[in-house]
PDB file of N, CA and C in Angstrom:
ATOM      1  N   UNK A   1      -8.769   0.522  17.046  1.00  0.00           N
ATOM      2  CA  UNK A   1      -9.703  -0.239  16.226  1.00  0.00           C
ATOM      3  C   UNK A   1      -8.889  -1.168  15.331  1.00  0.00           C
ATOM      4  N   UNK A   2      -9.226  -2.442  15.370  1.00  0.00           N
ATOM      5  CA  UNK A   2      -8.545  -3.392  14.495  1.00  0.00           C
ATOM      6  C   UNK A   2      -9.363  -3.594  13.218  1.00  0.00           C
ATOM      7  N   UNK A   3      -8.858  -4.443  12.311  1.00  0.00           N
ATOM      8  CA  UNK A   3      -9.511  -4.614  11.014  1.00  0.00           C
ATOM      9  C   UNK A   3     -10.932  -5.167  11.155  1.00  0.00           C
ATOM     10  N   UNK A   4     -11.140  -6.141  12.027  1.00  0.00           N
ATOM     11  CA  UNK A   4     -12.482  -6.697  12.207  1.00  0.00           C
ATOM     12  C   UNK A   4     -13.468  -5.648  12.712  1.00  0.00           C
ATOM     13  N   UNK A   5     -13.024  -4.823  13.645  1.00  0.00           N
ATOM     14  CA  UNK A   5     -13.891  -3.761  14.156  1.00  0.00           C
ATOM     15  C   UNK A   5     -14.205  -2.742  13.061  1.00  0.00           C
ATOM     16  N   UNK A   6     -13.204  -2.414  12.245  1.00  0.00           N
ATOM     17  CA  UNK A   6     -13.424  -1.490  11.132  1.00  0.00           C
ATOM     18  C   UNK A   6     -14.414  -2.071  10.135  1.00  0.00           C
ATOM     19  N   UNK A   7     -14.259  -3.348   9.797  1.00  0.00           N
ATOM     20  CA  UNK A   7     -15.183  -3.992   8.857  1.00  0.00           C
ATOM     21  C   UNK A   7     -16.598  -4.038   9.429  1.00  0.00           C
ATOM     22  N   UNK A   8     -16.740  -4.308  10.713  1.00  0.00           N
ATOM     23  CA  UNK A   8     -18.060  -4.296  11.351  1.00  0.00           C
ATOM     24  C   UNK A   8     -18.700  -2.910  11.247  1.00  0.00           C
ATOM     25  N   UNK A   9     -17.906  -1.871  11.544  1.00  0.00           N
ATOM     26  CA  UNK A   9     -18.419  -0.500  11.486  1.00  0.00           C
ATOM     27  C   UNK A   9     -18.806  -0.113  10.067  1.00  0.00           C
ATOM     28  N   UNK A  10     -17.985  -0.480   9.092  1.00  0.00           N
ATOM     29  CA  UNK A  10     -18.298  -0.172   7.691  1.00  0.00           C
ATOM     30  C   UNK A  10     -19.551  -0.902   7.228  1.00  0.00           C
ATOM     31  N   UNK A  11     -19.669  -2.168   7.585  1.00  0.00           N
ATOM     32  CA  UNK A  11     -20.842  -2.929   7.150  1.00  0.00           C
ATOM     33  C   UNK A  11     -22.115  -2.375   7.779  1.00  0.00           C
ATOM     34  N   UNK A  12     -22.045  -1.931   9.031  1.00  0.00           N
ATOM     35  CA  UNK A  12     -23.219  -1.327   9.671  1.00  0.00           C
ATOM     36  C   UNK A  12     -23.552   0.022   9.057  1.00  0.00           C
ATOM     37  N   UNK A  13     -22.528   0.835   8.796  1.00  0.00           N
ATOM     38  CA  UNK A  13     -22.750   2.176   8.251  1.00  0.00           C
ATOM     39  C   UNK A  13     -23.308   2.129   6.832  1.00  0.00           C
ATOM     40  N   UNK A  14     -22.934   1.113   6.065  1.00  0.00           N
ATOM     41  CA  UNK A  14     -23.389   1.022   4.681  1.00  0.00           C
ATOM     42  C   UNK A  14     -24.516   0.014   4.499  1.00  0.00           C
ATOM     43  N   UNK A  15     -24.945  -0.581   5.611  1.00  0.00           N
ATOM     44  CA  UNK A  15     -26.008  -1.596   5.579  1.00  0.00           C
ATOM     45  C   UNK A  15     -25.685  -2.684   4.555  1.00  0.00           C
ATOM     46  N   UNK A  16     -24.454  -3.175   4.626  1.00  0.00           N
ATOM     47  CA  UNK A  16     -24.009  -4.235   3.731  1.00  0.00           C
ATOM     48  C   UNK A  16     -23.397  -5.358   4.561  1.00  0.00           C
ATOM     49  N   UNK A  17     -22.973  -6.403   3.889  1.00  0.00           N
ATOM     50  CA  UNK A  17     -22.356  -7.514   4.596  1.00  0.00           C
ATOM     51  C   UNK A  17     -20.911  -7.180   4.929  1.00  0.00           C
ATOM     52  N   UNK A  18     -20.362  -7.938   5.860  1.00  0.00           N
ATOM     53  CA  UNK A  18     -18.967  -7.752   6.228  1.00  0.00           C
ATOM     54  C   UNK A  18     -18.060  -8.097   5.042  1.00  0.00           C
ATOM     55  N   UNK A  19     -18.456  -9.083   4.226  1.00  0.00           N
ATOM     56  CA  UNK A  19     -17.682  -9.455   3.040  1.00  0.00           C
ATOM     57  C   UNK A  19     -17.658  -8.305   2.034  1.00  0.00           C
ATOM     58  N   UNK A  20     -18.790  -7.628   1.859  1.00  0.00           N
ATOM     59  CA  UNK A  20     -18.840  -6.468   0.958  1.00  0.00           C
ATOM     60  C   UNK A  20     -17.949  -5.345   1.491  1.00  0.00           C
ATOM     61  N   UNK A  21     -17.976  -5.133   2.795  1.00  0.00           N
ATOM     62  CA  UNK A  21     -17.145  -4.096   3.407  1.00  0.00           C
ATOM     63  C   UNK A  21     -15.667  -4.407   3.199  1.00  0.00           C
ATOM     64  N   UNK A  22     -15.284  -5.680   3.312  1.00  0.00           N
ATOM     65  CA  UNK A  22     -13.888  -6.079   3.094  1.00  0.00           C
ATOM     66  C   UNK A  22     -13.486  -5.843   1.644  1.00  0.00           C
ATOM     67  N   UNK A  23     -14.355  -6.195   0.700  1.00  0.00           N
ATOM     68  CA  UNK A  23     -14.051  -5.955  -0.716  1.00  0.00           C
ATOM     69  C   UNK A  23     -13.889  -4.461  -0.983  1.00  0.00           C
ATOM     70  N   UNK A  24     -14.750  -3.647  -0.381  1.00  0.00           N
ATOM     71  CA  UNK A  24     -14.672  -2.196  -0.544  1.00  0.00           C
ATOM     72  C   UNK A  24     -13.353  -1.666   0.016  1.00  0.00           C
ATOM     73  N   UNK A  25     -12.999  -2.087   1.217  1.00  0.00           N
ATOM     74  CA  UNK A  25     -11.770  -1.621   1.852  1.00  0.00           C
ATOM     75  C   UNK A  25     -10.546  -2.039   1.041  1.00  0.00           C
ATOM     76  N   UNK A  26     -10.539  -3.279   0.554  1.00  0.00           N
ATOM     77  CA  UNK A  26      -9.438  -3.750  -0.299  1.00  0.00           C
ATOM     78  C   UNK A  26      -9.350  -2.938  -1.587  1.00  0.00           C
ATOM     79  N   UNK A  27     -10.503  -2.630  -2.176  1.00  0.00           N
ATOM     80  CA  UNK A  27     -10.530  -1.860  -3.427  1.00  0.00           C
ATOM     81  C   UNK A  27     -10.003  -0.446  -3.212  1.00  0.00           C
ATOM     82  N   UNK A  28     -10.376   0.178  -2.108  1.00  0.00           N
ATOM     83  CA  UNK A  28      -9.891   1.530  -1.800  1.00  0.00           C
ATOM     84  C   UNK A  28      -8.372   1.519  -1.685  1.00  0.00           C
ATOM     85  N   UNK A  29      -7.831   0.527  -0.968  1.00  0.00           N
ATOM     86  CA  UNK A  29      -6.378   0.425  -0.831  1.00  0.00           C
ATOM     87  C   UNK A  29      -5.693   0.245  -2.165  1.00  0.00           C
ATOM     88  N   UNK A  30      -6.267  -0.587  -3.030  1.00  0.00           N
ATOM     89  CA  UNK A  30      -5.699  -0.827  -4.351  1.00  0.00           C
ATOM     90  C   UNK A  30      -5.721   0.430  -5.203  1.00  0.00           C
ATOM     91  N   UNK A  31      -6.847   1.127  -5.212  1.00  0.00           N
ATOM     92  CA  UNK A  31      -6.979   2.351  -6.011  1.00  0.00           C
ATOM     93  C   UNK A  31      -6.009   3.421  -5.526  1.00  0.00           C
ATOM     94  N   UNK A  32      -5.925   3.617  -4.221  1.00  0.00           N
ATOM     95  CA  UNK A  32      -5.001   4.626  -3.678  1.00  0.00           C
ATOM     96  C   UNK A  32      -3.563   4.246  -4.010  1.00  0.00           C
ATOM     97  N   UNK A  33      -3.197   2.978  -3.844  1.00  0.00           N
ATOM     98  CA  UNK A  33      -1.842   2.532  -4.156  1.00  0.00           C
ATOM     99  C   UNK A  33      -1.477   2.736  -5.612  1.00  0.00           C
ATOM    100  N   UNK A  34      -2.374   2.388  -6.521  1.00  0.00           N
ATOM    101  CA  UNK A  34      -2.108   2.569  -7.956  1.00  0.00           C
ATOM    102  C   UNK A  34      -1.943   4.041  -8.302  1.00  0.00           C
ATOM    103  N   UNK A  35      -2.784   4.880  -7.738  1.00  0.00           N
ATOM    104  CA  UNK A  35      -2.700   6.317  -8.025  1.00  0.00           C
ATOM    105  C   UNK A  35      -1.414   6.912  -7.464  1.00  0.00           C
ATOM    106  N   UNK A  36      -0.999   6.475  -6.284  1.00  0.00           N
ATOM    107  CA  UNK A  36       0.254   6.963  -5.717  1.00  0.00           C
ATOM    108  C   UNK A  36       1.437   6.569  -6.584  1.00  0.00           C
ATOM    109  N   UNK A  37       1.420   5.340  -7.109  1.00  0.00           N
ATOM    110  CA  UNK A  37       2.501   4.898  -7.994  1.00  0.00           C
ATOM    111  C   UNK A  37       2.499   5.689  -9.290  1.00  0.00           C
ATOM    112  N   UNK A  38       1.314   6.016  -9.794  1.00  0.00           N
ATOM    113  CA  UNK A  38       1.209   6.707 -11.080  1.00  0.00           C
ATOM    114  C   UNK A  38       1.522   8.192 -10.985  1.00  0.00           C
ATOM    115  N   UNK A  39       0.979   8.872  -9.972  1.00  0.00           N
ATOM    116  CA  UNK A  39       1.102  10.331  -9.929  1.00  0.00           C
ATOM    117  C   UNK A  39       1.824  10.877  -8.705  1.00  0.00           C
ATOM    118  N   UNK A  40       1.966  10.092  -7.656  1.00  0.00           N
ATOM    119  CA  UNK A  40       2.662  10.561  -6.462  1.00  0.00           C
ATOM    120  C   UNK A  40       1.762  11.157  -5.404  1.00  0.00           C
ATOM    121  N   UNK A  41       0.474  11.397  -5.722  1.00  0.00           N
ATOM    122  CA  UNK A  41      -0.441  11.892  -4.691  1.00  0.00           C
ATOM    123  C   UNK A  41      -1.883  11.636  -5.112  1.00  0.00           C
ATOM    124  N   UNK A  42      -2.752  11.611  -4.113  1.00  0.00           N
ATOM    125  CA  UNK A  42      -4.185  11.466  -4.364  1.00  0.00           C
ATOM    126  C   UNK A  42      -4.939  12.206  -3.275  1.00  0.00           C
ATOM    127  N   UNK A  43      -5.920  12.999  -3.699  1.00  0.00           N
ATOM    128  CA  UNK A  43      -6.792  13.714  -2.768  1.00  0.00           C
ATOM    129  C   UNK A  43      -8.098  12.951  -2.660  1.00  0.00           C
ATOM    130  N   UNK A  44      -8.488  12.628  -1.444  1.00  0.00           N
ATOM    131  CA  UNK A  44      -9.751  11.952  -1.193  1.00  0.00           C
ATOM    132  C   UNK A  44     -10.660  12.978  -0.528  1.00  0.00           C
ATOM    133  N   UNK A  45     -11.690  13.460  -1.239  1.00  0.00           N
ATOM    134  CA  UNK A  45     -12.550  14.506  -0.691  1.00  0.00           C
ATOM    135  C   UNK A  45     -13.143  14.095   0.658  1.00  0.00           C
ATOM    136  N   UNK A  46     -13.084  15.027   1.598  1.00  0.00           N
ATOM    137  CA  UNK A  46     -13.637  14.793   2.927  1.00  0.00           C
ATOM    138  C   UNK A  46     -12.736  13.967   3.828  1.00  0.00           C
ATOM    139  N   UNK A  47     -11.619  13.462   3.303  1.00  0.00           N
ATOM    140  CA  UNK A  47     -10.716  12.634   4.102  1.00  0.00           C
ATOM    141  C   UNK A  47      -9.341  13.282   4.207  1.00  0.00           C
ATOM    142  N   UNK A  48      -8.661  13.451   3.078  1.00  0.00           N
ATOM    143  CA  UNK A  48      -7.344  14.065   3.109  1.00  0.00           C
ATOM    144  C   UNK A  48      -6.544  13.762   1.861  1.00  0.00           C
ATOM    145  N   UNK A  49      -5.242  14.022   1.938  1.00  0.00           N
ATOM    146  CA  UNK A  49      -4.340  13.842   0.811  1.00  0.00           C
ATOM    147  C   UNK A  49      -3.230  12.873   1.184  1.00  0.00           C
ATOM    148  N   UNK A  50      -3.012  11.880   0.326  1.00  0.00           N
ATOM    149  CA  UNK A  50      -1.906  10.953   0.459  1.00  0.00           C
ATOM    150  C   UNK A  50      -0.826  11.398  -0.516  1.00  0.00           C
ATOM    151  N   UNK A  51       0.436  11.462  -0.068  1.00  0.00           N
ATOM    152  CA  UNK A  51       1.535  11.906  -0.907  1.00  0.00           C
ATOM    153  C   UNK A  51       2.729  10.972  -0.715  1.00  0.00           C
ATOM    154  N   UNK A  52       3.384  10.620  -1.818  1.00  0.00           N
ATOM    155  CA  UNK A  52       4.602   9.811  -1.743  1.00  0.00           C
ATOM    156  C   UNK A  52       5.745  10.710  -1.288  1.00  0.00           C
ATOM    157  N   UNK A  53       6.537  10.222  -0.331  1.00  0.00           N
ATOM    158  CA  UNK A  53       7.710  10.958   0.138  1.00  0.00           C
ATOM    159  C   UNK A  53       8.947  10.104  -0.087  1.00  0.00           C
ATOM    160  N   UNK A  54      10.052  10.763  -0.353  1.00  0.00           N
ATOM    161  CA  UNK A  54      11.330  10.077  -0.544  1.00  0.00           C
ATOM    162  C   UNK A  54      12.277  10.527   0.557  1.00  0.00           C
ATOM    163  N   UNK A  55      12.943   9.550   1.170  1.00  0.00           N
ATOM    164  CA  UNK A  55      13.935   9.850   2.202  1.00  0.00           C
ATOM    165  C   UNK A  55      15.316   9.484   1.647  1.00  0.00           C
ATOM    166  N   UNK A  56      16.245  10.407   1.774  1.00  0.00           N
ATOM    167  CA  UNK A  56      17.606  10.164   1.306  1.00  0.00           C
ATOM    168  C   UNK A  56      18.320   9.179   2.229  1.00  0.00           C
ATOM    169  N   UNK A  57      19.352   8.548   1.700  1.00  0.00           N
ATOM    170  CA  UNK A  57      20.206   7.702   2.532  1.00  0.00           C
ATOM    171  C   UNK A  57      20.890   8.598   3.560  1.00  0.00           C
ATOM    172  N   UNK A  58      21.149   8.029   4.725  1.00  0.00           N
ATOM    173  CA  UNK A  58      21.771   8.832   5.779  1.00  0.00           C
ATOM    174  C   UNK A  58      22.547   7.932   6.737  1.00  0.00           C
ATOM    175  N   UNK A  59      23.502   8.511   7.438  1.00  0.00           N
ATOM    176  CA  UNK A  59      24.199   7.708   8.438  1.00  0.00           C
ATOM    177  C   UNK A  59      23.324   7.559   9.682  1.00  0.00           C
ATOM    178  N   UNK A  60      23.473   6.450  10.353  1.00  0.00           N
ATOM    179  CA  UNK A  60      22.742   6.199  11.587  1.00  0.00           C
ATOM    180  C   UNK A  60      23.630   5.467  12.564  1.00  0.00           C
ATOM    181  N   UNK A  61      23.064   5.077  13.691  1.00  0.00           N
ATOM    182  CA  UNK A  61      23.840   4.393  14.701  1.00  0.00           C
ATOM    183  C   UNK A  61      23.048   3.217  15.234  1.00  0.00           C
ATOM    184  N   UNK A  62      23.690   2.062  15.301  1.00  0.00           N
ATOM    185  CA  UNK A  62      23.072   0.888  15.895  1.00  0.00           C
ATOM    186  C   UNK A  62      23.021   1.125  17.404  1.00  0.00           C
ATOM    187  N   UNK A  63      21.818   1.210  18.001  1.00  0.00           N
ATOM    188  CA  UNK A  63      21.736   1.534  19.426  1.00  0.00           C
ATOM    189  C   UNK A  63      22.318   0.442  20.332  1.00  0.00           C
ATOM    190  N   UNK A  64      22.369  -0.778  19.838  1.00  0.00           N
ATOM    191  CA  UNK A  64      22.873  -1.889  20.647  1.00  0.00           C
ATOM    192  C   UNK A  64      24.400  -1.884  20.728  1.00  0.00           C
ATOM    193  N   UNK A  65      25.034  -1.623  19.576  1.00  0.00           N
ATOM    194  CA  UNK A  65      26.497  -1.712  19.536  1.00  0.00           C
ATOM    195  C   UNK A  65      27.183  -0.353  19.454  1.00  0.00           C
ATOM    196  N   UNK A  66      26.431   0.693  19.081  1.00  0.00           N
ATOM    197  CA  UNK A  66      27.025   2.009  18.903  1.00  0.00           C
ATOM    198  C   UNK A  66      27.716   2.171  17.561  1.00  0.00           C
ATOM    199  N   UNK A  67      27.703   1.120  16.745  1.00  0.00           N
ATOM    200  CA  UNK A  67      28.361   1.138  15.446  1.00  0.00           C
ATOM    201  C   UNK A  67      27.632   2.082  14.482  1.00  0.00           C
ATOM    202  N   UNK A  68      28.399   2.848  13.699  1.00  0.00           N
ATOM    203  CA  UNK A  68      27.822   3.710  12.679  1.00  0.00           C
ATOM    204  C   UNK A  68      27.436   2.847  11.490  1.00  0.00           C
ATOM    205  N   UNK A  69      26.208   3.058  10.991  1.00  0.00           N
ATOM    206  CA  UNK A  69      25.711   2.296   9.846  1.00  0.00           C
ATOM    207  C   UNK A  69      25.141   3.258   8.816  1.00  0.00           C
ATOM    208  N   UNK A  70      24.955   2.760   7.603  1.00  0.00           N
ATOM    209  CA  UNK A  70      24.334   3.565   6.551  1.00  0.00           C
ATOM    210  C   UNK A  70      22.880   3.116   6.407  1.00  0.00           C
ATOM    211  N   UNK A  71      21.949   4.025   6.579  1.00  0.00           N
ATOM    212  CA  UNK A  71      20.526   3.737   6.407  1.00  0.00           C
ATOM    213  C   UNK A  71      20.187   4.026   4.950  1.00  0.00           C
ATOM    214  N   UNK A  72      19.621   3.046   4.273  1.00  0.00           N
ATOM    215  CA  UNK A  72      19.332   3.157   2.840  1.00  0.00           C
ATOM    216  C   UNK A  72      18.235   4.182   2.569  1.00  0.00           C
ATOM    217  N   UNK A  73      18.243   4.736   1.359  1.00  0.00           N
ATOM    218  CA  UNK A  73      17.166   5.615   0.914  1.00  0.00           C
ATOM    219  C   UNK A  73      15.875   4.806   0.874  1.00  0.00           C
ATOM    220  N   UNK A  74      14.751   5.466   1.121  1.00  0.00           N
ATOM    221  CA  UNK A  74      13.475   4.750   1.123  1.00  0.00           C
ATOM    222  C   UNK A  74      12.345   5.663   0.659  1.00  0.00           C
ATOM    223  N   UNK A  75      11.234   5.035   0.371  1.00  0.00           N
ATOM    224  CA  UNK A  75      10.029   5.746  -0.051  1.00  0.00           C
ATOM    225  C   UNK A  75       8.930   5.448   0.949  1.00  0.00           C
ATOM    226  N   UNK A  76       8.142   6.460   1.278  1.00  0.00           N
ATOM    227  CA  UNK A  76       7.040   6.289   2.210  1.00  0.00           C
ATOM    228  C   UNK A  76       5.824   7.053   1.734  1.00  0.00           C
ATOM    229  N   UNK A  77       4.781   7.022   2.537  1.00  0.00           N
ATOM    230  CA  UNK A  77       3.549   7.740   2.221  1.00  0.00           C
ATOM    231  C   UNK A  77       3.207   8.654   3.389  1.00  0.00           C
ATOM    232  N   UNK A  78       2.869   9.892   3.061  1.00  0.00           N
ATOM    233  CA  UNK A  78       2.479  10.892   4.048  1.00  0.00           C
ATOM    234  C   UNK A  78       0.986  11.158   3.875  1.00  0.00           C
ATOM    235  N   UNK A  79       0.256  11.337   4.978  1.00  0.00           N
ATOM    236  CA  UNK A  79      -1.167  11.632   4.921  1.00  0.00           C
ATOM    237  C   UNK A  79      -1.445  12.929   5.654  1.00  0.00           C
ATOM    238  N   UNK A  80      -2.201  13.809   5.008  1.00  0.00           N
ATOM    239  CA  UNK A  80      -2.624  15.055   5.652  1.00  0.00           C
ATOM    240  C   UNK A  80      -4.146  15.100   5.620  1.00  0.00           C
ATOM    241  N   UNK A  81      -4.758  15.087   6.788  1.00  0.00           N
ATOM    242  CA  UNK A  81      -6.214  15.074   6.898  1.00  0.00           C
ATOM    243  C   UNK A  81      -6.798  16.448   6.597  1.00  0.00           C
ATOM    244  N   UNK A  82      -8.021  16.452   6.054  1.00  0.00           N
ATOM    245  CA  UNK A  82      -8.734  17.707   5.821  1.00  0.00           C
ATOM    246  C   UNK A  82      -9.305  18.204   7.147  1.00  0.00           C
ATOM    247  N   UNK A  83      -9.523  19.504   7.274  1.00  0.00           N
ATOM    248  CA  UNK A  83     -10.112  20.032   8.502  1.00  0.00           C
ATOM    249  C   UNK A  83     -11.492  19.427   8.801  1.00  0.00           C
ATOM    250  N   UNK A  84     -12.288  19.135   7.757  1.00  0.00           N
ATOM    251  CA  UNK A  84     -13.613  18.545   8.000  1.00  0.00           C
ATOM    252  C   UNK A  84     -13.487  17.126   8.533  1.00  0.00           C
ATOM    253  N   UNK A  85     -12.473  16.401   8.113  1.00  0.00           N
ATOM    254  CA  UNK A  85     -12.266  15.039   8.606  1.00  0.00           C
ATOM    255  C   UNK A  85     -11.867  15.075  10.081  1.00  0.00           C
ATOM    256  N   UNK A  86     -11.027  16.040  10.435  1.00  0.00           N
ATOM    257  CA  UNK A  86     -10.579  16.130  11.824  1.00  0.00           C
ATOM    258  C   UNK A  86     -11.698  16.569  12.764  1.00  0.00           C
ATOM    259  N   UNK A  87     -12.621  17.355  12.226  1.00  0.00           N
ATOM    260  CA  UNK A  87     -13.782  17.765  13.018  1.00  0.00           C
ATOM    261  C   UNK A  87     -13.407  18.370  14.345  1.00  0.00           C
ATOM    262  N   UNK A  88     -13.918  17.806  15.424  1.00  0.00           N
ATOM    263  CA  UNK A  88     -13.706  18.346  16.767  1.00  0.00           C
ATOM    264  C   UNK A  88     -12.594  17.643  17.538  1.00  0.00           C
ATOM    265  N   UNK A  89     -11.662  16.987  16.850  1.00  0.00           N
ATOM    266  CA  UNK A  89     -10.583  16.286  17.562  1.00  0.00           C
ATOM    267  C   UNK A  89      -9.743  17.208  18.364  1.00  0.00           C
TER     268      UNK A  89
END
């Protein structure tokens, strides 16, 4: 499902316009991002939990040249779905 298909589905499910669905989706992303920056995690009832993860720097290998390189430390986001969200998957 791409963004347009998601917006179509949201607008149909909420009986709103596609523009309203886009504003809602943008707002959800903004709220989740701000909360992750502030506290490091957010639980969305019926959906799951988003958590900030930190990866340490580590050695790696360039697959093209075989050269050893240093991969920088980074931050990512982990998502764990609730059992109700997963349903019958």
